[in-house]
N, C-alpha and C. Protein backbone atom coordinates (compact mmCIF):
# COMPACT_ATOMS: atom_id res chain seq x y z
N MET A 1 89.35 72.54 113.17
CA MET A 1 90.67 72.01 113.40
C MET A 1 91.59 73.14 113.87
N VAL A 2 92.54 72.81 114.74
CA VAL A 2 93.49 73.75 115.31
C VAL A 2 94.90 73.22 115.08
N GLU A 3 95.83 74.13 114.76
CA GLU A 3 97.25 73.78 114.63
C GLU A 3 97.91 74.03 115.97
N ILE A 4 98.66 73.05 116.47
CA ILE A 4 99.44 73.24 117.67
C ILE A 4 100.90 73.00 117.31
N HIS A 5 101.72 74.03 117.48
CA HIS A 5 103.15 73.98 117.21
C HIS A 5 103.88 73.85 118.55
N LEU A 6 104.72 72.84 118.66
CA LEU A 6 105.49 72.65 119.89
C LEU A 6 106.95 72.97 119.61
N TYR A 7 107.60 73.64 120.55
CA TYR A 7 108.97 74.09 120.38
C TYR A 7 109.87 73.53 121.47
N GLY A 8 111.17 73.56 121.20
CA GLY A 8 112.16 73.10 122.18
C GLY A 8 111.93 71.65 122.56
N GLU A 9 112.09 71.37 123.83
CA GLU A 9 111.96 70.00 124.32
C GLU A 9 110.54 69.44 124.22
N LEU A 10 109.55 70.31 124.03
CA LEU A 10 108.17 69.83 123.91
C LEU A 10 107.95 69.04 122.63
N ARG A 11 108.81 69.24 121.64
CA ARG A 11 108.69 68.58 120.34
C ARG A 11 108.60 67.06 120.49
N ARG A 12 109.30 66.54 121.47
CA ARG A 12 109.38 65.07 121.61
C ARG A 12 108.02 64.42 121.88
N TYR A 13 107.09 65.18 122.42
CA TYR A 13 105.79 64.60 122.75
C TYR A 13 104.94 64.28 121.53
N ILE A 14 105.31 64.82 120.39
CA ILE A 14 104.60 64.43 119.16
C ILE A 14 105.54 63.73 118.19
N GLY A 15 106.67 63.25 118.74
CA GLY A 15 107.58 62.43 117.95
C GLY A 15 108.42 63.19 116.94
N CYS A 16 108.66 64.46 117.15
CA CYS A 16 109.45 65.26 116.22
C CYS A 16 110.60 65.90 116.97
N GLU A 17 111.72 65.20 117.03
CA GLU A 17 112.87 65.73 117.76
C GLU A 17 113.87 66.44 116.87
N ASP A 18 113.71 66.37 115.57
CA ASP A 18 114.63 67.02 114.64
C ASP A 18 114.30 68.51 114.59
N PRO A 19 115.19 69.38 115.08
CA PRO A 19 114.89 70.81 115.12
C PRO A 19 114.78 71.46 113.74
N ARG A 20 115.15 70.73 112.70
CA ARG A 20 115.03 71.27 111.34
C ARG A 20 113.62 71.09 110.79
N GLN A 21 112.80 70.32 111.48
CA GLN A 21 111.42 70.08 111.04
C GLN A 21 110.44 70.78 111.97
N ASP A 22 109.33 71.20 111.40
CA ASP A 22 108.28 71.80 112.24
C ASP A 22 107.62 70.70 113.06
N ALA A 23 107.41 70.97 114.33
CA ALA A 23 106.70 70.04 115.21
C ALA A 23 105.27 70.54 115.33
N VAL A 24 104.43 70.09 114.41
CA VAL A 24 103.06 70.56 114.32
C VAL A 24 102.12 69.37 114.40
N THR A 25 101.05 69.55 115.13
CA THR A 25 100.00 68.55 115.17
C THR A 25 98.66 69.27 115.05
N PHE A 26 97.65 68.55 114.71
CA PHE A 26 96.32 69.13 114.51
C PHE A 26 95.35 68.49 115.48
N VAL A 27 94.47 69.31 116.04
CA VAL A 27 93.50 68.86 117.03
C VAL A 27 92.12 69.29 116.57
N ASN A 28 91.16 68.38 116.67
CA ASN A 28 89.77 68.73 116.37
C ASN A 28 89.20 69.51 117.54
N VAL A 29 88.51 70.58 117.22
CA VAL A 29 87.91 71.44 118.25
C VAL A 29 86.59 70.84 118.68
N ARG A 30 86.34 70.90 119.97
CA ARG A 30 85.03 70.55 120.52
C ARG A 30 84.70 71.59 121.58
N PRO A 31 83.45 71.78 121.87
CA PRO A 31 83.05 72.83 122.82
C PRO A 31 83.78 72.71 124.16
N GLY A 32 84.34 73.82 124.61
CA GLY A 32 84.98 73.87 125.91
C GLY A 32 86.41 73.37 125.97
N LEU A 33 86.97 72.88 124.86
CA LEU A 33 88.33 72.34 124.86
C LEU A 33 89.33 73.48 125.06
N THR A 34 90.11 73.40 126.12
CA THR A 34 91.14 74.41 126.38
C THR A 34 92.47 73.93 125.82
N ILE A 35 93.40 74.87 125.75
CA ILE A 35 94.74 74.51 125.30
C ILE A 35 95.36 73.51 126.28
N ALA A 36 95.16 73.70 127.56
CA ALA A 36 95.69 72.77 128.56
C ALA A 36 95.16 71.36 128.34
N GLU A 37 93.87 71.23 128.09
CA GLU A 37 93.28 69.90 127.86
C GLU A 37 93.84 69.27 126.59
N ALA A 38 94.00 70.07 125.54
CA ALA A 38 94.56 69.56 124.29
C ALA A 38 95.99 69.07 124.50
N LEU A 39 96.78 69.84 125.27
CA LEU A 39 98.16 69.42 125.54
C LEU A 39 98.19 68.14 126.36
N ARG A 40 97.32 68.04 127.35
CA ARG A 40 97.25 66.79 128.15
C ARG A 40 96.95 65.60 127.26
N GLU A 41 96.02 65.77 126.32
CA GLU A 41 95.66 64.68 125.41
C GLU A 41 96.84 64.29 124.52
N LEU A 42 97.72 65.23 124.24
CA LEU A 42 98.92 64.95 123.45
C LEU A 42 100.04 64.36 124.31
N GLY A 43 99.84 64.33 125.62
CA GLY A 43 100.85 63.79 126.53
C GLY A 43 101.88 64.80 126.99
N VAL A 44 101.61 66.09 126.78
CA VAL A 44 102.53 67.15 127.17
C VAL A 44 102.24 67.52 128.63
N PRO A 45 103.22 67.36 129.53
CA PRO A 45 103.02 67.76 130.92
C PRO A 45 102.89 69.29 131.01
N LEU A 46 101.86 69.75 131.69
CA LEU A 46 101.59 71.18 131.75
C LEU A 46 102.68 71.96 132.48
N ASP A 47 103.40 71.31 133.38
CA ASP A 47 104.47 72.03 134.08
C ASP A 47 105.66 72.31 133.17
N GLU A 48 105.69 71.68 132.00
CA GLU A 48 106.76 71.93 131.03
C GLU A 48 106.35 72.99 130.00
N ALA A 49 105.07 73.27 129.89
CA ALA A 49 104.57 74.24 128.90
C ALA A 49 104.44 75.60 129.58
N ARG A 50 105.15 76.61 129.08
CA ARG A 50 105.15 77.90 129.77
C ARG A 50 104.63 79.05 128.91
N HIS A 51 105.22 79.24 127.76
CA HIS A 51 104.88 80.40 126.92
C HIS A 51 103.92 79.97 125.83
N VAL A 52 102.75 80.61 125.79
CA VAL A 52 101.71 80.25 124.83
C VAL A 52 101.40 81.45 123.94
N PHE A 53 101.40 81.18 122.65
CA PHE A 53 101.01 82.18 121.66
C PHE A 53 99.75 81.67 120.97
N ILE A 54 98.76 82.53 120.83
CA ILE A 54 97.53 82.17 120.14
C ILE A 54 97.38 83.12 118.96
N ASN A 55 97.40 82.56 117.78
CA ASN A 55 97.30 83.36 116.55
C ASN A 55 98.33 84.49 116.53
N GLY A 56 99.54 84.17 116.99
CA GLY A 56 100.65 85.11 116.92
C GLY A 56 100.78 86.05 118.09
N LEU A 57 99.86 86.00 119.03
CA LEU A 57 99.90 86.91 120.17
C LEU A 57 100.20 86.15 121.45
N TYR A 58 101.17 86.66 122.20
CA TYR A 58 101.50 86.03 123.48
C TYR A 58 100.32 86.17 124.43
N ASP A 59 100.01 85.08 125.12
CA ASP A 59 98.90 85.08 126.07
C ASP A 59 99.37 84.41 127.36
N PRO A 60 99.67 85.19 128.40
CA PRO A 60 100.16 84.61 129.64
C PRO A 60 99.16 83.66 130.31
N GLU A 61 97.89 83.76 129.97
CA GLU A 61 96.87 82.85 130.49
C GLU A 61 96.44 81.83 129.43
N GLY A 62 97.25 81.67 128.42
CA GLY A 62 96.90 80.87 127.26
C GLY A 62 96.47 79.44 127.53
N LEU A 63 97.07 78.80 128.52
CA LEU A 63 96.69 77.40 128.79
C LEU A 63 95.22 77.27 129.14
N ASN A 64 94.64 78.31 129.70
CA ASN A 64 93.24 78.27 130.13
C ASN A 64 92.25 78.69 129.05
N ARG A 65 92.75 79.13 127.91
CA ARG A 65 91.88 79.62 126.84
C ARG A 65 91.23 78.46 126.10
N GLU A 66 89.96 78.69 125.74
CA GLU A 66 89.25 77.71 124.91
C GLU A 66 89.72 77.85 123.47
N LEU A 67 89.88 76.72 122.83
CA LEU A 67 90.28 76.72 121.43
C LEU A 67 89.09 77.05 120.54
N ARG A 68 89.39 77.73 119.45
CA ARG A 68 88.37 78.06 118.45
C ARG A 68 88.82 77.49 117.11
N GLU A 69 87.85 77.14 116.31
CA GLU A 69 88.14 76.62 114.98
C GLU A 69 89.10 77.56 114.25
N GLY A 70 90.18 77.00 113.70
CA GLY A 70 91.14 77.78 112.94
C GLY A 70 92.27 78.40 113.75
N ASP A 71 92.25 78.25 115.08
CA ASP A 71 93.32 78.81 115.90
C ASP A 71 94.65 78.17 115.53
N ARG A 72 95.69 78.95 115.72
CA ARG A 72 97.06 78.50 115.53
C ARG A 72 97.78 78.78 116.84
N VAL A 73 98.24 77.72 117.50
CA VAL A 73 98.80 77.82 118.84
C VAL A 73 100.27 77.43 118.82
N GLY A 74 101.10 78.22 119.47
CA GLY A 74 102.51 77.90 119.65
C GLY A 74 102.79 77.76 121.13
N VAL A 75 103.46 76.66 121.51
CA VAL A 75 103.75 76.42 122.92
C VAL A 75 105.26 76.20 123.08
N PHE A 76 105.85 77.01 123.95
CA PHE A 76 107.28 76.94 124.23
C PHE A 76 107.48 76.40 125.64
N PRO A 77 108.55 75.65 125.86
CA PRO A 77 108.79 75.08 127.19
C PRO A 77 109.27 76.12 128.20
N ALA A 78 109.17 75.74 129.46
CA ALA A 78 109.58 76.62 130.56
C ALA A 78 111.06 76.95 130.51
N ASN A 79 111.87 76.07 129.94
CA ASN A 79 113.32 76.30 129.96
C ASN A 79 113.81 77.14 128.77
N MET A 80 112.91 77.68 127.97
CA MET A 80 113.30 78.56 126.87
C MET A 80 113.00 80.01 127.25
N THR A 81 113.88 80.92 126.83
CA THR A 81 113.62 82.32 127.09
C THR A 81 112.47 82.79 126.21
N MET A 82 111.90 83.93 126.54
CA MET A 82 110.77 84.45 125.80
C MET A 82 111.15 84.68 124.34
N PRO A 83 110.49 84.00 123.43
CA PRO A 83 110.81 84.18 122.01
C PRO A 83 110.28 85.52 121.49
N HIS A 84 110.91 86.00 120.48
CA HIS A 84 110.47 87.24 119.83
C HIS A 84 109.18 86.95 119.08
N ILE A 85 108.24 87.82 119.13
CA ILE A 85 106.91 87.58 118.57
C ILE A 85 106.93 87.27 117.08
N ARG A 86 107.93 87.75 116.34
CA ARG A 86 107.98 87.48 114.90
C ARG A 86 108.23 86.02 114.59
N LEU A 87 108.67 85.23 115.57
CA LEU A 87 108.88 83.81 115.33
C LEU A 87 107.56 83.08 115.10
N PHE A 88 106.47 83.71 115.51
CA PHE A 88 105.17 83.06 115.38
C PHE A 88 104.18 84.09 114.86
N ALA A 89 104.34 84.43 113.59
CA ALA A 89 103.56 85.51 112.99
C ALA A 89 102.08 85.16 112.90
N PRO A 90 101.21 86.15 113.15
CA PRO A 90 99.77 85.89 113.07
C PRO A 90 99.29 85.77 111.63
N ARG A 91 98.20 85.09 111.47
CA ARG A 91 97.51 85.02 110.19
C ARG A 91 96.30 85.93 110.30
N ALA A 92 96.17 86.85 109.39
CA ALA A 92 95.10 87.85 109.46
C ALA A 92 93.72 87.22 109.54
N GLU A 93 93.49 86.13 108.82
CA GLU A 93 92.15 85.53 108.78
C GLU A 93 91.80 84.81 110.08
N HIS A 94 92.75 84.66 111.00
CA HIS A 94 92.48 83.97 112.25
C HIS A 94 92.63 84.89 113.45
N SER A 95 92.34 86.16 113.27
CA SER A 95 92.52 87.09 114.38
C SER A 95 91.55 86.76 115.49
N ARG A 96 91.95 87.06 116.71
CA ARG A 96 91.16 86.74 117.91
C ARG A 96 90.87 88.07 118.60
N SER A 97 89.65 88.27 118.98
CA SER A 97 89.32 89.49 119.72
C SER A 97 89.84 89.36 121.15
N ALA A 98 90.09 90.48 121.80
CA ALA A 98 90.59 90.48 123.18
C ALA A 98 89.54 89.88 124.09
N THR A 99 90.03 89.05 125.02
CA THR A 99 89.12 88.44 126.01
C THR A 99 89.48 88.83 127.39
């Protein structure tokens, strides 16, 4: 299972428009599933998804990355400025090696 956190205007795609609540959904991992495919399945238009963090680390190619069991993904919309990395702190047990 993977956690996907949506921020800003992307929150609406999982029915969570209240900014005081976390907009989190969970996706079952299957071989070859990329972040882009998972977002499409959630109904998130890829042209609205810009900044991707995987396990706390910004990944400019994040949409193309395959999901791994236990990943924690944060997706920010194109109309938001680059968030500070501390907003999406990594979990030590889910570290990802460089690819």
